[in-house]
Amino acid sequence: MWDVMLKATGETMYMVFFSTFFSVILGFIPAIILTLTAPDGLKPNRAVYQVLDFLINTFRSFPFIILIVLIIPFTRLIAGTSLGATACIVPLTVSAIPFVARVMETSLRGVDKGLIEAAKSFGATDFQIIFKVYLKEAFPGILSGITLTLISLVGYSAMGGAVGAGGLGDVAIRRGYQAYNITYLIVTSLILIVFVQIVQNIGNWIYKKLS
């Protein structure tokens, strides 16, 4: 049993960390565009902001278990298969991108406007304002959002077990629920709870240090 659990835990961590990594990179782009084109941004553009805002809200509203099925063709195109831990990284990343973008946008737009105006008065370019003012000041909040993303993806990866994604969710469904083995259900739940607690505590500690 413990060999199975160890392997499943490794698969879950693999899915969660890589999907978080890719979603942060890909979510950064729409977050910056939203921040710049917002009514109070450096380059206000009502049309661009509203279209991107609508798309992000739309993709955030999809339940993950439905999304993972809908994008099976895209998953096969990227990963070559729709089964397994590597394939599950694709839908996990797609589901997390709008969440990351929204969290980053909120943190970036929360930066004190006085700092932005001060940077402008010193002749800072938009590029300098984005990376030396917005990102620097918003980084603790962004990091807190990344922690929340990690925790959310732990739950999503468990749901992915229902469609053959592997990891602890797969063990809980196949060896626990379908085999009527309550031990597997309890142990997988405990591992997920401990994992989430560790991630949250580390995230809180780093946030306090940076703040």
Protein backbone atom coordinates (compact mmCIF):
# COMPACT_ATOMS: atom_id res chain seq x y z
CA MET A 1 0.00 0.00 0.00
CA TRP A 2 2.73 2.49 0.93
CA ASP A 3 4.58 1.89 -2.33
CA VAL A 4 1.36 2.79 -4.16
CA MET A 5 0.88 5.87 -2.00
CA LEU A 6 4.46 7.04 -2.45
CA LYS A 7 4.21 6.77 -6.22
CA ALA A 8 0.81 8.50 -6.28
CA THR A 9 2.06 11.32 -4.05
CA GLY A 10 5.01 11.86 -6.39
CA GLU A 11 2.66 12.01 -9.38
CA THR A 12 0.41 14.53 -7.62
CA MET A 13 3.35 16.78 -6.72
CA TYR A 14 4.65 16.50 -10.29
CA MET A 15 1.29 17.55 -11.75
CA VAL A 16 0.69 20.36 -9.27
CA PHE A 17 4.10 22.01 -9.38
CA PHE A 18 4.53 21.90 -13.16
CA SER A 19 1.00 23.12 -13.85
CA THR A 20 1.54 25.94 -11.36
CA PHE A 21 4.81 26.86 -13.04
CA PHE A 22 3.28 27.00 -16.53
CA SER A 23 0.09 28.77 -15.39
CA VAL A 24 2.10 31.50 -13.62
CA ILE A 25 4.17 32.14 -16.75
CA LEU A 26 1.15 32.14 -19.07
CA GLY A 27 -1.14 33.97 -16.64
CA PHE A 28 1.36 36.81 -16.23
CA ILE A 29 0.72 38.05 -19.78
CA PRO A 30 -3.07 38.67 -19.50
CA ALA A 31 -2.54 40.05 -15.97
CA ILE A 32 -0.18 42.73 -17.29
CA ILE A 33 -2.52 43.54 -20.20
CA LEU A 34 -5.49 43.88 -17.82
CA THR A 35 -3.48 46.12 -15.50
CA LEU A 36 -2.27 48.37 -18.31
CA THR A 37 -5.64 48.66 -20.10
CA ALA A 38 -7.78 49.11 -16.98
CA PRO A 39 -9.53 52.47 -16.58
CA ASP A 40 -6.85 53.50 -14.06
CA GLY A 41 -3.98 51.83 -15.92
CA LEU A 42 -1.04 53.26 -17.81
CA LYS A 43 -2.69 52.63 -21.19
CA PRO A 44 -6.48 52.64 -20.67
CA ASN A 45 -8.34 50.76 -23.37
CA ARG A 46 -11.95 49.93 -22.59
CA ALA A 47 -12.45 47.47 -25.47
CA VAL A 48 -9.34 45.38 -24.81
CA TYR A 49 -9.97 45.30 -21.07
CA GLN A 50 -13.61 44.26 -21.35
CA VAL A 51 -12.94 41.50 -23.92
CA LEU A 52 -10.06 40.02 -21.90
CA ASP A 53 -12.01 40.41 -18.65
CA PHE A 54 -14.95 38.53 -20.19
CA LEU A 55 -12.72 35.70 -21.46
CA ILE A 56 -11.07 35.24 -18.08
CA ASN A 57 -14.41 35.18 -16.27
CA THR A 58 -15.77 32.69 -18.80
CA PHE A 59 -12.89 30.23 -18.46
CA ARG A 60 -12.92 30.56 -14.67
CA SER A 61 -16.56 29.47 -14.61
CA PHE A 62 -15.88 26.05 -16.16
CA PRO A 63 -15.95 23.20 -13.61
CA PHE A 64 -12.63 21.36 -13.89
CA ILE A 65 -14.15 17.91 -14.38
CA ILE A 66 -15.99 19.27 -17.45
CA LEU A 67 -13.00 21.23 -18.74
CA ILE A 68 -10.69 18.21 -18.60
CA VAL A 69 -13.09 16.33 -20.89
CA LEU A 70 -13.74 19.23 -23.27
CA ILE A 71 -10.06 19.81 -24.03
CA ILE A 72 -9.09 16.14 -24.51
CA PRO A 73 -8.22 16.79 -28.21
CA PHE A 74 -5.98 19.70 -27.17
CA THR A 75 -4.39 17.57 -24.44
CA ARG A 76 -3.62 14.83 -26.95
CA LEU A 77 -2.14 17.41 -29.31
CA ILE A 78 0.20 18.76 -26.62
CA ALA A 79 1.03 15.63 -24.60
CA GLY A 80 0.38 12.88 -27.16
CA THR A 81 -2.15 11.21 -24.83
CA SER A 82 -5.05 12.15 -22.58
CA LEU A 83 -4.13 9.74 -19.78
CA GLY A 84 -1.52 9.92 -17.07
CA ALA A 85 0.11 12.58 -14.93
CA THR A 86 1.90 14.37 -17.77
CA ALA A 87 -1.30 14.69 -19.80
CA CYS A 88 -3.16 16.06 -16.77
CA ILE A 89 -0.73 18.99 -16.57
CA VAL A 90 -2.39 20.44 -19.71
CA PRO A 91 -5.96 20.83 -18.33
CA LEU A 92 -4.60 21.80 -14.92
CA THR A 93 -2.60 24.61 -16.52
CA VAL A 94 -5.52 25.74 -18.69
CA SER A 95 -7.83 25.87 -15.67
CA ALA A 96 -5.32 27.78 -13.55
CA ILE A 97 -4.31 30.46 -16.09
CA PRO A 98 -7.44 32.65 -15.66
CA PHE A 99 -7.27 32.29 -11.88
CA VAL A 100 -3.59 33.31 -11.82
CA ALA A 101 -4.26 36.20 -14.19
CA ARG A 102 -7.05 37.53 -11.97
CA VAL A 103 -5.02 37.18 -8.77
CA MET A 104 -2.03 38.92 -10.34
CA GLU A 105 -4.21 41.70 -11.75
CA THR A 106 -5.75 42.32 -8.33
CA SER A 107 -2.31 42.52 -6.70
CA LEU A 108 -0.88 44.76 -9.41
CA ARG A 109 -3.82 47.17 -9.40
CA GLY A 110 -3.57 47.38 -5.63
CA VAL A 111 -0.20 49.15 -5.87
CA ASP A 112 -0.31 52.69 -4.45
CA LYS A 113 -1.11 55.11 -7.29
CA GLY A 114 1.17 57.67 -5.66
CA LEU A 115 4.15 55.44 -6.39
CA ILE A 116 3.13 55.21 -10.05
CA GLU A 117 2.78 58.97 -10.33
CA ALA A 118 6.13 59.47 -8.59
CA ALA A 119 7.81 57.11 -11.05
CA LYS A 120 6.25 59.00 -13.97
CA SER A 121 7.46 62.32 -12.60
CA PHE A 122 11.02 60.97 -12.55
CA GLY A 123 10.70 60.05 -16.22
CA ALA A 124 10.34 56.28 -15.82
CA THR A 125 9.19 54.41 -18.92
CA ASP A 126 6.14 52.15 -18.90
CA PHE A 127 8.46 49.12 -18.94
CA GLN A 128 10.32 50.40 -15.89
CA ILE A 129 7.09 51.17 -14.06
CA ILE A 130 5.77 47.66 -14.71
CA PHE A 131 8.87 45.78 -13.55
CA LYS A 132 10.35 48.17 -10.97
CA VAL A 133 7.20 49.54 -9.37
CA TYR A 134 4.17 47.33 -10.08
CA LEU A 135 5.89 43.95 -9.75
CA LYS A 136 8.18 44.95 -6.91
CA GLU A 137 5.35 46.33 -4.77
CA ALA A 138 2.82 43.62 -5.68
CA PHE A 139 5.18 40.65 -5.36
CA PRO A 140 4.08 39.56 -1.83
CA GLY A 141 0.44 39.55 -2.95
CA ILE A 142 1.33 37.71 -6.16
CA LEU A 143 3.20 35.10 -4.14
CA SER A 144 0.17 34.65 -1.90
CA GLY A 145 -1.93 34.12 -5.03
CA ILE A 146 0.52 31.50 -6.30
CA THR A 147 0.15 29.68 -2.98
CA LEU A 148 -3.63 29.66 -3.42
CA THR A 149 -3.16 28.38 -6.97
CA LEU A 150 -1.02 25.49 -5.72
CA ILE A 151 -3.65 24.55 -3.17
CA SER A 152 -6.48 24.75 -5.72
CA LEU A 153 -4.56 22.58 -8.16
CA VAL A 154 -4.11 19.92 -5.48
CA GLY A 155 -7.89 19.54 -5.42
CA TYR A 156 -8.14 19.66 -9.22
CA SER A 157 -5.46 16.98 -9.58
CA ALA A 158 -7.48 14.74 -7.26
CA MET A 159 -10.55 15.23 -9.48
CA GLY A 160 -8.38 14.35 -12.47
CA GLY A 161 -8.13 10.84 -11.06
CA ALA A 162 -11.70 10.29 -12.25
CA VAL A 163 -10.50 10.36 -15.87
CA GLY A 164 -7.25 8.45 -15.49
CA ALA A 165 -4.91 11.30 -14.59
CA GLY A 166 -3.02 9.29 -11.99
CA GLY A 167 -1.88 10.57 -8.60
CA LEU A 168 -3.68 10.37 -5.29
CA GLY A 169 -7.09 11.03 -6.86
CA ASP A 170 -6.71 7.99 -9.08
CA VAL A 171 -5.75 5.82 -6.10
CA ALA A 172 -8.68 7.11 -4.06
CA ILE A 173 -11.15 6.34 -6.86
CA ARG A 174 -9.83 3.00 -8.17
CA ARG A 175 -8.44 1.41 -5.00
CA GLY A 176 -10.65 3.20 -2.52
CA TYR A 177 -14.09 4.06 -3.87
CA GLN A 178 -14.45 1.40 -6.59
CA ALA A 179 -12.84 -1.36 -4.51
CA TYR A 180 -14.79 -0.37 -1.37
CA ASN A 181 -11.54 0.05 0.56
CA ILE A 182 -12.02 2.85 3.08
CA THR A 183 -8.37 2.71 4.12
CA TYR A 184 -7.19 4.10 0.79
CA LEU A 185 -9.77 6.89 0.95
CA ILE A 186 -8.67 7.92 4.44
CA VAL A 187 -4.95 7.75 3.74
CA THR A 188 -5.15 9.71 0.45
CA SER A 189 -7.27 12.37 2.17
CA LEU A 190 -4.79 12.69 5.02
CA ILE A 191 -1.85 13.01 2.62
CA LEU A 192 -3.64 15.74 0.67
CA ILE A 193 -4.53 17.60 3.88
CA VAL A 194 -0.91 17.47 5.11
CA PHE A 195 0.39 18.57 1.71
CA VAL A 196 -1.97 21.56 1.62
CA GLN A 197 -1.03 22.56 5.17
CA ILE A 198 2.68 22.44 4.33
CA VAL A 199 2.22 24.52 1.16
CA GLN A 200 0.07 27.09 3.00
CA ASN A 201 2.49 27.42 5.92
CA ILE A 202 5.49 27.85 3.62
CA GLY A 203 3.58 30.42 1.57
CA ASN A 204 2.57 32.35 4.70
CA TRP A 205 6.15 32.34 6.01
CA ILE A 206 7.58 33.66 2.73
CA TYR A 207 4.80 36.27 2.48
CA LYS A 208 5.64 37.61 5.95
CA LYS A 209 9.34 37.78 5.11
CA LEU A 210 8.74 39.65 1.88
CA SER A 211 6.12 41.97 3.37
